[in-house]
Amino acid sequence: MKDDCSALMNMNFMTGRDKCDSELFRITPEQRKPSILLHACCGPCSTACVERLAPDYQITVYYYNPNITDREEYYLRRDTLLQFIKAFNEEHRDSYFVSYIEGEYDPERYIAKCGPLADEPEGGARCDLCFAMRLAETARKAGEMGIDYFTTTLTIRHLRSPKKRVSLLCIPLTTLRLRPARARS
């Protein structure tokens, strides 16, 4: 019983009692879904990812895209993403809930980092650097928030070659400076 209490308290459940009654919660530590931070570039690219991940993960969508230098386009994509998340949450209100957070909109950071490669073709070295920048920030944010996993919608676009999609997943973890995963109860 004491181990059950400790595990539940580690999950930030608080009862206000001296004794833990796991029946109150109707969830055991074994039933807790792992959390995942899903970097999203826009609403349309997020739909299939969210639909496939929701049964198995507690999803937080992370909109971080300083590469969208046109302010109006940035907010149009964000608003479309928020509309999708709202509709998904309403449709699945008895089963899943998708959270949302937004990173800092700082196109100057993107320009400073990727500007020297402005003449590169679409899908070239500039894109590699931009993807790495966004994934590194997603990994950092996941670590900061104590989220179990992170991923991105950037791998699903039909315009990206299979080689490019694989290269997105090959960022050396040492460059991301991730902290070790938290222990599971």
N, C-alpha and C. Protein backbone atom coordinates (compact mmCIF):
# COMPACT_ATOMS: atom_id res chain seq x y z
N MET A 1 0.82 -1.20 0.00
CA MET A 1 0.00 0.00 0.00
C MET A 1 0.86 1.25 0.00
N LYS A 2 1.94 1.23 0.80
CA LYS A 2 2.81 2.39 0.85
C LYS A 2 3.47 2.66 -0.50
N ASP A 3 3.88 1.59 -1.21
CA ASP A 3 4.47 1.75 -2.53
C ASP A 3 3.47 2.36 -3.50
N ASP A 4 2.19 1.93 -3.40
CA ASP A 4 1.16 2.51 -4.25
C ASP A 4 1.02 4.00 -3.98
N CYS A 5 1.06 4.38 -2.72
CA CYS A 5 0.96 5.80 -2.36
C CYS A 5 2.13 6.59 -2.92
N SER A 6 3.33 6.07 -2.75
CA SER A 6 4.51 6.77 -3.25
C SER A 6 4.44 6.96 -4.75
N ALA A 7 4.04 5.94 -5.47
CA ALA A 7 3.95 6.03 -6.93
C ALA A 7 2.92 7.08 -7.33
N LEU A 8 1.78 7.08 -6.66
CA LEU A 8 0.76 8.06 -7.00
C LEU A 8 1.20 9.47 -6.66
N MET A 9 1.88 9.64 -5.55
CA MET A 9 2.34 10.97 -5.18
C MET A 9 3.39 11.47 -6.16
N ASN A 10 4.22 10.55 -6.69
CA ASN A 10 5.19 10.94 -7.70
C ASN A 10 4.52 11.40 -8.99
N MET A 11 3.27 11.04 -9.18
CA MET A 11 2.53 11.46 -10.36
C MET A 11 1.75 12.75 -10.07
N ASN A 12 2.09 13.42 -8.99
CA ASN A 12 1.49 14.69 -8.61
C ASN A 12 0.02 14.58 -8.24
N PHE A 13 -0.40 13.42 -7.74
CA PHE A 13 -1.73 13.29 -7.18
C PHE A 13 -1.63 13.67 -5.71
N MET A 14 -2.58 14.43 -5.21
CA MET A 14 -2.59 14.79 -3.80
C MET A 14 -3.97 14.48 -3.25
N THR A 15 -3.99 13.78 -2.11
CA THR A 15 -5.27 13.39 -1.54
C THR A 15 -5.66 14.21 -0.33
N GLY A 16 -4.71 14.77 0.37
CA GLY A 16 -5.02 15.47 1.59
C GLY A 16 -5.32 14.52 2.73
N ARG A 17 -4.97 13.25 2.57
CA ARG A 17 -5.19 12.23 3.59
C ARG A 17 -3.86 11.62 4.00
N ASP A 18 -3.85 10.97 5.15
CA ASP A 18 -2.66 10.25 5.59
C ASP A 18 -2.53 8.93 4.85
N LYS A 19 -3.65 8.34 4.49
CA LYS A 19 -3.63 7.05 3.79
C LYS A 19 -4.00 7.28 2.33
N CYS A 20 -3.40 6.48 1.48
CA CYS A 20 -3.66 6.58 0.05
C CYS A 20 -4.73 5.57 -0.33
N ASP A 21 -5.74 6.01 -1.03
CA ASP A 21 -6.80 5.12 -1.49
C ASP A 21 -6.80 5.17 -3.01
N SER A 22 -6.12 4.20 -3.64
CA SER A 22 -5.96 4.23 -5.10
C SER A 22 -7.29 4.11 -5.83
N GLU A 23 -8.33 3.59 -5.19
CA GLU A 23 -9.63 3.53 -5.83
C GLU A 23 -10.18 4.93 -6.14
N LEU A 24 -9.78 5.90 -5.33
CA LEU A 24 -10.20 7.28 -5.56
C LEU A 24 -9.78 7.77 -6.93
N PHE A 25 -8.64 7.36 -7.39
CA PHE A 25 -8.06 7.91 -8.61
C PHE A 25 -8.47 7.15 -9.86
N ARG A 26 -8.83 5.89 -9.72
CA ARG A 26 -9.18 5.04 -10.85
C ARG A 26 -8.09 5.00 -11.91
N ILE A 27 -6.87 5.18 -11.48
CA ILE A 27 -5.72 5.06 -12.36
C ILE A 27 -4.56 4.56 -11.53
N THR A 28 -3.84 3.66 -12.10
CA THR A 28 -2.64 3.17 -11.43
C THR A 28 -1.43 3.69 -12.19
N PRO A 29 -0.27 3.68 -11.57
CA PRO A 29 0.93 4.13 -12.28
C PRO A 29 1.16 3.36 -13.57
N GLU A 30 0.77 2.09 -13.60
CA GLU A 30 0.97 1.28 -14.80
C GLU A 30 0.07 1.76 -15.95
N GLN A 31 -1.05 2.41 -15.62
CA GLN A 31 -1.98 2.86 -16.63
C GLN A 31 -1.63 4.24 -17.20
N ARG A 32 -0.75 4.94 -16.56
CA ARG A 32 -0.40 6.28 -17.02
C ARG A 32 0.28 6.18 -18.39
N LYS A 33 -0.24 6.94 -19.33
CA LYS A 33 0.37 6.96 -20.65
C LYS A 33 1.61 7.83 -20.61
N PRO A 34 2.65 7.46 -21.36
CA PRO A 34 3.83 8.33 -21.41
C PRO A 34 3.49 9.64 -22.11
N SER A 35 4.20 10.67 -21.76
CA SER A 35 3.96 11.97 -22.37
C SER A 35 4.88 12.15 -23.58
N ILE A 36 4.39 12.94 -24.54
CA ILE A 36 5.17 13.21 -25.74
C ILE A 36 4.95 14.66 -26.16
N LEU A 37 6.04 15.32 -26.52
CA LEU A 37 5.97 16.68 -27.05
C LEU A 37 6.08 16.56 -28.56
N LEU A 38 5.01 16.95 -29.24
CA LEU A 38 4.95 16.86 -30.69
C LEU A 38 5.20 18.23 -31.29
N HIS A 39 6.37 18.41 -31.89
CA HIS A 39 6.64 19.66 -32.61
C HIS A 39 5.75 19.68 -33.85
N ALA A 40 5.05 20.78 -34.06
CA ALA A 40 4.14 20.89 -35.20
C ALA A 40 4.49 22.12 -36.04
N CYS A 41 4.50 21.91 -37.35
CA CYS A 41 4.75 23.02 -38.26
C CYS A 41 3.44 23.70 -38.66
N CYS A 42 2.32 22.97 -38.59
CA CYS A 42 1.03 23.53 -38.98
C CYS A 42 -0.07 22.54 -38.59
N GLY A 43 -1.32 22.94 -38.79
CA GLY A 43 -2.43 22.07 -38.47
C GLY A 43 -2.54 20.85 -39.37
N PRO A 44 -2.53 21.02 -40.70
CA PRO A 44 -2.71 19.86 -41.57
C PRO A 44 -1.67 18.75 -41.34
N CYS A 45 -0.42 19.12 -41.10
CA CYS A 45 0.61 18.10 -40.87
C CYS A 45 0.45 17.43 -39.51
N SER A 46 -0.30 18.03 -38.62
CA SER A 46 -0.48 17.49 -37.27
C SER A 46 -1.60 16.48 -37.16
N THR A 47 -2.55 16.53 -38.07
CA THR A 47 -3.76 15.73 -37.90
C THR A 47 -3.47 14.24 -37.76
N ALA A 48 -2.78 13.67 -38.73
CA ALA A 48 -2.52 12.22 -38.68
C ALA A 48 -1.65 11.85 -37.49
N CYS A 49 -0.68 12.71 -37.17
CA CYS A 49 0.21 12.43 -36.03
C CYS A 49 -0.59 12.37 -34.73
N VAL A 50 -1.42 13.37 -34.50
CA VAL A 50 -2.21 13.41 -33.27
C VAL A 50 -3.16 12.22 -33.21
N GLU A 51 -3.83 11.94 -34.32
CA GLU A 51 -4.78 10.82 -34.33
C GLU A 51 -4.10 9.50 -34.03
N ARG A 52 -2.87 9.32 -34.50
CA ARG A 52 -2.17 8.05 -34.27
C ARG A 52 -1.53 7.98 -32.88
N LEU A 53 -1.10 9.10 -32.35
CA LEU A 53 -0.41 9.11 -31.06
C LEU A 53 -1.36 9.14 -29.86
N ALA A 54 -2.52 9.74 -30.01
CA ALA A 54 -3.43 9.97 -28.88
C ALA A 54 -3.79 8.71 -28.09
N PRO A 55 -4.02 7.58 -28.73
CA PRO A 55 -4.38 6.40 -27.91
C PRO A 55 -3.27 5.94 -26.97
N ASP A 56 -2.03 6.27 -27.29
CA ASP A 56 -0.91 5.73 -26.52
C ASP A 56 -0.09 6.76 -25.74
N TYR A 57 -0.31 8.05 -25.99
CA TYR A 57 0.51 9.09 -25.36
C TYR A 57 -0.35 10.25 -24.87
N GLN A 58 0.13 10.92 -23.85
CA GLN A 58 -0.41 12.20 -23.43
C GLN A 58 0.32 13.24 -24.28
N ILE A 59 -0.37 13.83 -25.23
CA ILE A 59 0.27 14.69 -26.22
C ILE A 59 0.21 16.16 -25.82
N THR A 60 1.35 16.81 -25.96
CA THR A 60 1.41 18.26 -25.93
C THR A 60 1.96 18.68 -27.29
N VAL A 61 1.19 19.47 -28.02
CA VAL A 61 1.65 19.98 -29.31
C VAL A 61 2.45 21.25 -29.05
N TYR A 62 3.61 21.31 -29.68
CA TYR A 62 4.53 22.44 -29.51
C TYR A 62 4.69 23.15 -30.84
N TYR A 63 4.16 24.34 -30.93
CA TYR A 63 4.26 25.14 -32.15
C TYR A 63 5.47 26.06 -32.00
N TYR A 64 6.54 25.67 -32.66
CA TYR A 64 7.78 26.46 -32.62
C TYR A 64 8.33 26.53 -34.05
N ASN A 65 8.18 27.69 -34.68
CA ASN A 65 8.53 27.83 -36.08
C ASN A 65 9.05 29.23 -36.42
N PRO A 66 10.22 29.59 -35.92
CA PRO A 66 10.76 30.91 -36.23
C PRO A 66 11.16 31.05 -37.69
N ASN A 67 11.16 29.94 -38.43
CA ASN A 67 11.50 29.97 -39.84
C ASN A 67 10.40 30.59 -40.70
N ILE A 68 9.21 30.72 -40.16
CA ILE A 68 8.11 31.36 -40.89
C ILE A 68 8.25 32.86 -40.66
N THR A 69 8.94 33.51 -41.56
CA THR A 69 9.30 34.92 -41.35
C THR A 69 8.14 35.87 -41.65
N ASP A 70 7.16 35.43 -42.41
CA ASP A 70 5.98 36.24 -42.68
C ASP A 70 5.04 36.11 -41.49
N ARG A 71 4.88 37.19 -40.74
CA ARG A 71 4.09 37.18 -39.51
C ARG A 71 2.67 36.70 -39.74
N GLU A 72 2.04 37.17 -40.80
CA GLU A 72 0.66 36.77 -41.09
C GLU A 72 0.57 35.27 -41.34
N GLU A 73 1.51 34.72 -42.09
CA GLU A 73 1.54 33.28 -42.36
C GLU A 73 1.76 32.50 -41.07
N TYR A 74 2.65 32.99 -40.21
CA TYR A 74 2.93 32.33 -38.93
C TYR A 74 1.64 32.18 -38.12
N TYR A 75 0.89 33.28 -37.99
CA TYR A 75 -0.32 33.23 -37.17
C TYR A 75 -1.46 32.47 -37.86
N LEU A 76 -1.50 32.49 -39.17
CA LEU A 76 -2.49 31.71 -39.91
C LEU A 76 -2.26 30.21 -39.64
N ARG A 77 -1.01 29.76 -39.71
CA ARG A 77 -0.70 28.36 -39.43
C ARG A 77 -1.02 28.00 -37.98
N ARG A 78 -0.65 28.90 -37.08
CA ARG A 78 -0.93 28.65 -35.66
C ARG A 78 -2.42 28.52 -35.40
N ASP A 79 -3.18 29.45 -35.96
CA ASP A 79 -4.63 29.44 -35.72
C ASP A 79 -5.29 28.20 -36.32
N THR A 80 -4.81 27.74 -37.45
CA THR A 80 -5.33 26.51 -38.05
C THR A 80 -5.02 25.32 -37.15
N LEU A 81 -3.82 25.30 -36.60
CA LEU A 81 -3.43 24.23 -35.67
C LEU A 81 -4.33 24.26 -34.43
N LEU A 82 -4.56 25.44 -33.87
CA LEU A 82 -5.43 25.55 -32.69
C LEU A 82 -6.86 25.10 -33.00
N GLN A 83 -7.36 25.42 -34.19
CA GLN A 83 -8.70 24.97 -34.58
C GLN A 83 -8.76 23.45 -34.62
N PHE A 84 -7.72 22.83 -35.19
CA PHE A 84 -7.70 21.37 -35.24
C PHE A 84 -7.68 20.78 -33.83
N ILE A 85 -6.81 21.30 -32.95
CA ILE A 85 -6.71 20.75 -31.60
C ILE A 85 -8.04 20.90 -30.85
N LYS A 86 -8.68 22.05 -31.01
CA LYS A 86 -9.97 22.27 -30.35
C LYS A 86 -11.01 21.26 -30.85
N ALA A 87 -11.08 21.07 -32.17
CA ALA A 87 -12.03 20.12 -32.73
C ALA A 87 -11.71 18.69 -32.29
N PHE A 88 -10.43 18.34 -32.28
CA PHE A 88 -10.03 16.99 -31.85
C PHE A 88 -10.42 16.77 -30.40
N ASN A 89 -10.13 17.73 -29.54
CA ASN A 89 -10.46 17.60 -28.12
C ASN A 89 -11.97 17.49 -27.91
N GLU A 90 -12.75 18.24 -28.67
CA GLU A 90 -14.21 18.15 -28.54
C GLU A 90 -14.71 16.78 -28.99
N GLU A 91 -14.18 16.30 -30.12
CA GLU A 91 -14.61 15.02 -30.66
C GLU A 91 -14.23 13.85 -29.75
N HIS A 92 -13.10 13.97 -29.07
CA HIS A 92 -12.58 12.87 -28.25
C HIS A 92 -12.62 13.20 -26.76
N ARG A 93 -13.50 14.06 -26.35
CA ARG A 93 -13.50 14.55 -24.96
C ARG A 93 -13.59 13.46 -23.91
N ASP A 94 -14.14 12.32 -24.25
CA ASP A 94 -14.24 11.23 -23.28
C ASP A 94 -13.04 10.29 -23.32
N SER A 95 -12.14 10.51 -24.27
CA SER A 95 -11.02 9.59 -24.43
C SER A 95 -9.65 10.23 -24.31
N TYR A 96 -9.46 11.38 -24.96
CA TYR A 96 -8.13 11.99 -25.03
C TYR A 96 -8.23 13.50 -24.85
N PHE A 97 -7.10 14.08 -24.46
CA PHE A 97 -7.00 15.53 -24.43
C PHE A 97 -5.60 15.90 -24.91
N VAL A 98 -5.54 16.77 -25.90
CA VAL A 98 -4.27 17.23 -26.45
C VAL A 98 -4.03 18.65 -25.93
N SER A 99 -2.85 18.84 -25.32
CA SER A 99 -2.47 20.17 -24.83
C SER A 99 -1.70 20.92 -25.91
N TYR A 100 -1.54 22.20 -25.71
CA TYR A 100 -0.84 23.05 -26.68
C TYR A 100 0.05 24.03 -25.95
N ILE A 101 1.26 24.21 -26.46
CA ILE A 101 2.13 25.30 -26.02
C ILE A 101 2.78 25.90 -27.25
N GLU A 102 3.19 27.13 -27.11
CA GLU A 102 3.80 27.83 -28.24
C GLU A 102 5.17 28.34 -27.84
N GLY A 103 6.13 28.10 -28.71
CA GLY A 103 7.48 28.62 -28.48
C GLY A 103 7.56 30.08 -28.86
N GLU A 104 8.69 30.66 -28.57
CA GLU A 104 8.89 32.07 -28.89
C GLU A 104 8.96 32.26 -30.40
N TYR A 105 8.23 33.25 -30.88
CA TYR A 105 8.29 33.59 -32.30
C TYR A 105 9.43 34.59 -32.47
N ASP A 106 10.53 34.10 -33.01
CA ASP A 106 11.75 34.90 -33.15
C ASP A 106 12.39 34.66 -34.51
N PRO A 107 11.78 35.22 -35.58
CA PRO A 107 12.34 34.98 -36.92
C PRO A 107 13.77 35.53 -37.07
N GLU A 108 14.14 36.49 -36.25
CA GLU A 108 15.51 37.02 -36.32
C GLU A 108 16.53 35.94 -35.96
N ARG A 109 16.17 35.07 -35.03
CA ARG A 109 17.06 33.97 -34.66
C ARG A 109 17.27 33.04 -35.85
N TYR A 110 16.17 32.73 -36.53
CA TYR A 110 16.25 31.88 -37.71
C TYR A 110 17.12 32.54 -38.79
N ILE A 111 16.90 33.81 -39.05
CA ILE A 111 17.65 34.53 -40.08
C ILE A 111 19.14 34.57 -39.73
N ALA A 112 19.44 34.82 -38.46
CA ALA A 112 20.85 34.87 -38.04
C ALA A 112 21.53 33.51 -38.24
N LYS A 113 20.79 32.45 -37.95
CA LYS A 113 21.37 31.10 -38.04
C LYS A 113 21.40 30.59 -39.48
N CYS A 114 20.34 30.81 -40.21
CA CYS A 114 20.20 30.22 -41.54
C CYS A 114 20.41 31.20 -42.69
N GLY A 115 20.47 32.48 -42.37
CA GLY A 115 20.63 33.52 -43.40
C GLY A 115 21.81 33.30 -44.34
N PRO A 116 22.98 32.88 -43.83
CA PRO A 116 24.11 32.65 -44.73
C PRO A 116 23.83 31.59 -45.79
N LEU A 117 22.80 30.79 -45.58
CA LEU A 117 22.46 29.73 -46.54
C LEU A 117 21.21 30.09 -47.35
N ALA A 118 20.89 31.37 -47.42
CA ALA A 118 19.66 31.83 -48.08
C ALA A 118 19.57 31.40 -49.53
N ASP A 119 20.68 31.24 -50.21
CA ASP A 119 20.67 30.87 -51.63
C ASP A 119 20.62 29.36 -51.87
N GLU A 120 20.62 28.60 -50.80
CA GLU A 120 20.52 27.15 -50.93
C GLU A 120 19.14 26.77 -51.49
N PRO A 121 19.08 25.70 -52.26
CA PRO A 121 17.77 25.27 -52.79
C PRO A 121 16.89 24.72 -51.67
N GLU A 122 15.59 24.74 -51.90
CA GLU A 122 14.64 24.14 -50.96
C GLU A 122 15.02 22.68 -50.76
N GLY A 123 15.07 22.26 -49.51
CA GLY A 123 15.46 20.89 -49.19
C GLY A 123 16.97 20.72 -49.01
N GLY A 124 17.72 21.81 -49.11
CA GLY A 124 19.18 21.74 -49.00
C GLY A 124 19.68 21.99 -47.59
N ALA A 125 20.90 22.51 -47.50
CA ALA A 125 21.58 22.70 -46.22
C ALA A 125 20.83 23.66 -45.29
N ARG A 126 20.17 24.67 -45.86
CA ARG A 126 19.40 25.60 -45.02
C ARG A 126 18.29 24.85 -44.29
N CYS A 127 17.61 23.96 -45.00
CA CYS A 127 16.52 23.18 -44.39
C CYS A 127 17.07 22.27 -43.29
N ASP A 128 18.21 21.64 -43.56
CA ASP A 128 18.81 20.78 -42.54
C ASP A 128 19.08 21.55 -41.26
N LEU A 129 19.65 22.74 -41.42
CA LEU A 129 19.98 23.58 -40.26
C LEU A 129 18.71 24.03 -39.55
N CYS A 130 17.70 24.40 -40.30
CA CYS A 130 16.43 24.84 -39.72
C CYS A 130 15.75 23.69 -38.97
N PHE A 131 15.72 22.50 -39.57
CA PHE A 131 15.14 21.34 -38.90
C PHE A 131 15.88 21.06 -37.60
N ALA A 132 17.19 21.08 -37.67
CA ALA A 132 18.01 20.81 -36.47
C ALA A 132 17.73 21.84 -35.39
N MET A 133 17.60 23.09 -35.77
CA MET A 133 17.32 24.16 -34.81
C MET A 133 15.98 23.92 -34.11
N ARG A 134 14.95 23.58 -34.87
CA ARG A 134 13.63 23.36 -34.29
C ARG A 134 13.57 22.09 -33.45
N LEU A 135 14.24 21.03 -33.91
CA LEU A 135 14.25 19.80 -33.13
C LEU A 135 15.05 19.95 -31.84
N ALA A 136 16.15 20.67 -31.90
CA ALA A 136 16.94 20.91 -30.69
C ALA A 136 16.12 21.69 -29.66
N GLU A 137 15.38 22.68 -30.13
CA GLU A 137 14.53 23.45 -29.21
C GLU A 137 13.39 22.59 -28.66
N THR A 138 12.85 21.71 -29.49
CA THR A 138 11.79 20.80 -29.03
C THR A 138 12.34 19.86 -27.96
N ALA A 139 13.53 19.33 -28.19
CA ALA A 139 14.15 18.43 -27.21
C ALA A 139 14.42 19.18 -25.91
N ARG A 140 14.91 20.40 -26.02
CA ARG A 140 15.18 21.21 -24.82
C ARG A 140 13.89 21.44 -24.03
N LYS A 141 12.83 21.79 -24.75
CA LYS A 141 11.54 22.08 -24.11
C LYS A 141 10.98 20.81 -23.45
N ALA A 142 11.11 19.67 -24.13
CA ALA A 142 10.64 18.40 -23.55
C ALA A 142 11.38 18.11 -22.25
N GLY A 143 12.69 18.31 -22.25
CA GLY A 143 13.47 18.10 -21.04
C GLY A 143 13.07 19.06 -19.93
N GLU A 144 12.89 20.32 -20.28
CA GLU A 144 12.48 21.35 -19.30
C GLU A 144 11.14 21.00 -18.66
N MET A 145 10.23 20.45 -19.45
CA MET A 145 8.89 20.14 -18.97
C MET A 145 8.79 18.74 -18.35
N GLY A 146 9.87 17.95 -18.42
CA GLY A 146 9.84 16.60 -17.88
C GLY A 146 9.01 15.65 -18.72
N ILE A 147 8.91 15.93 -20.02
CA ILE A 147 8.14 15.09 -20.93
C ILE A 147 8.99 13.90 -21.34
N ASP A 148 8.36 12.74 -21.46
CA ASP A 148 9.08 11.49 -21.71
C ASP A 148 9.73 11.42 -23.08
N TYR A 149 9.02 11.87 -24.12
CA TYR A 149 9.51 11.74 -25.49
C TYR A 149 9.23 13.02 -26.26
N PHE A 150 9.91 13.17 -27.40
CA PHE A 150 9.56 14.24 -28.32
C PHE A 150 9.65 13.72 -29.73
N THR A 151 8.89 14.37 -30.61
CA THR A 151 8.90 14.01 -32.03
C THR A 151 8.46 15.24 -32.82
N THR A 152 8.32 15.07 -34.12
CA THR A 152 7.97 16.20 -34.97
C THR A 152 7.07 15.76 -36.11
N THR A 153 6.31 16.70 -36.62
CA THR A 153 5.51 16.46 -37.82
C THR A 153 6.35 16.63 -39.08
N LEU A 154 7.55 17.12 -38.95
CA LEU A 154 8.38 17.43 -40.12
C LEU A 154 8.73 16.21 -40.96
N THR A 155 8.54 15.02 -40.43
CA THR A 155 8.90 13.82 -41.18
C THR A 155 7.78 13.32 -42.09
N ILE A 156 6.59 13.90 -42.04
CA ILE A 156 5.48 13.32 -42.79
C ILE A 156 5.19 13.99 -44.11
N ARG A 157 5.68 15.16 -44.33
CA ARG A 157 5.33 15.89 -45.57
C ARG A 157 5.77 15.12 -46.80
N HIS A 158 4.89 15.06 -47.76
CA HIS A 158 5.17 14.32 -49.01
C HIS A 158 6.32 14.96 -49.81
N LEU A 159 6.62 16.21 -49.55
CA LEU A 159 7.69 16.89 -50.29
C LEU A 159 9.08 16.50 -49.78
N ARG A 160 9.15 15.85 -48.65
CA ARG A 160 10.44 15.46 -48.09
C ARG A 160 10.79 14.05 -48.56
N SER A 161 11.97 13.90 -49.06
CA SER A 161 12.41 12.59 -49.54
C SER A 161 12.62 11.65 -48.35
N PRO A 162 12.56 10.33 -48.60
CA PRO A 162 12.83 9.39 -47.50
C PRO A 162 14.20 9.63 -46.87
N LYS A 163 15.19 9.98 -47.67
CA LYS A 163 16.53 10.25 -47.13
C LYS A 163 16.49 11.46 -46.19
N LYS A 164 15.78 12.50 -46.57
CA LYS A 164 15.66 13.70 -45.72
C LYS A 164 14.92 13.36 -44.43
N ARG A 165 13.88 12.54 -44.53
CA ARG A 165 13.12 12.18 -43.33
C ARG A 165 14.00 11.40 -42.35
N VAL A 166 14.82 10.51 -42.86
CA VAL A 166 15.72 9.75 -41.99
C VAL A 166 16.76 10.68 -41.39
N SER A 167 17.28 11.62 -42.17
CA SER A 167 18.30 12.53 -41.65
C SER A 167 17.77 13.40 -40.52
N LEU A 168 16.47 13.68 -40.53
CA LEU A 168 15.87 14.45 -39.43
C LEU A 168 16.02 13.73 -38.10
N LEU A 169 16.04 12.42 -38.15
CA LEU A 169 16.09 11.62 -36.93
C LEU A 169 17.52 11.34 -36.48
N CYS A 170 18.50 11.83 -37.21
CA CYS A 170 19.89 11.48 -36.93
C CYS A 170 20.68 12.64 -36.34
N ILE A 171 20.02 13.54 -35.65
CA ILE A 171 20.73 14.61 -34.97
C ILE A 171 21.46 14.00 -33.79
N PRO A 172 22.76 14.20 -33.69
CA PRO A 172 23.48 13.60 -32.55
C PRO A 172 22.88 14.07 -31.23
N LEU A 173 22.50 13.13 -30.39
CA LEU A 173 21.87 13.48 -29.12
C LEU A 173 22.78 14.30 -28.24
N THR A 174 24.10 14.17 -28.41
CA THR A 174 25.02 14.96 -27.58
C THR A 174 24.87 16.44 -27.89
N THR A 175 24.46 16.79 -29.11
CA THR A 175 24.29 18.21 -29.43
C THR A 175 23.02 18.77 -28.83
N LEU A 176 22.09 17.89 -28.44
CA LEU A 176 20.84 18.34 -27.86
C LEU A 176 20.94 18.59 -26.36
N ARG A 177 21.98 18.06 -25.74
CA ARG A 177 22.21 18.24 -24.30
C ARG A 177 20.98 17.86 -23.48
N LEU A 178 20.50 16.67 -23.74
CA LEU A 178 19.33 16.17 -23.02
C LEU A 178 19.73 15.64 -21.66
N ARG A 179 18.84 15.79 -20.72
CA ARG A 179 19.07 15.18 -19.42
C ARG A 179 18.52 13.78 -19.48
N PRO A 180 18.99 12.87 -18.63
CA PRO A 180 18.50 11.48 -18.66
C PRO A 180 16.99 11.45 -18.42
N ALA A 181 16.33 10.47 -19.00
CA ALA A 181 14.90 10.30 -18.80
C ALA A 181 14.61 10.07 -17.33
N ARG A 182 13.51 10.56 -16.88
CA ARG A 182 13.13 10.37 -15.47
C ARG A 182 12.74 8.93 -15.24
N ALA A 183 12.98 8.49 -14.03
CA ALA A 183 12.68 7.10 -13.66
C ALA A 183 11.18 6.89 -13.62
N ARG A 184 10.76 5.73 -14.05
CA ARG A 184 9.34 5.36 -13.99
C ARG A 184 9.06 4.65 -12.69
N SER A 185 7.88 4.87 -12.16
CA SER A 185 7.46 4.17 -10.93
C SER A 185 6.86 2.85 -11.28
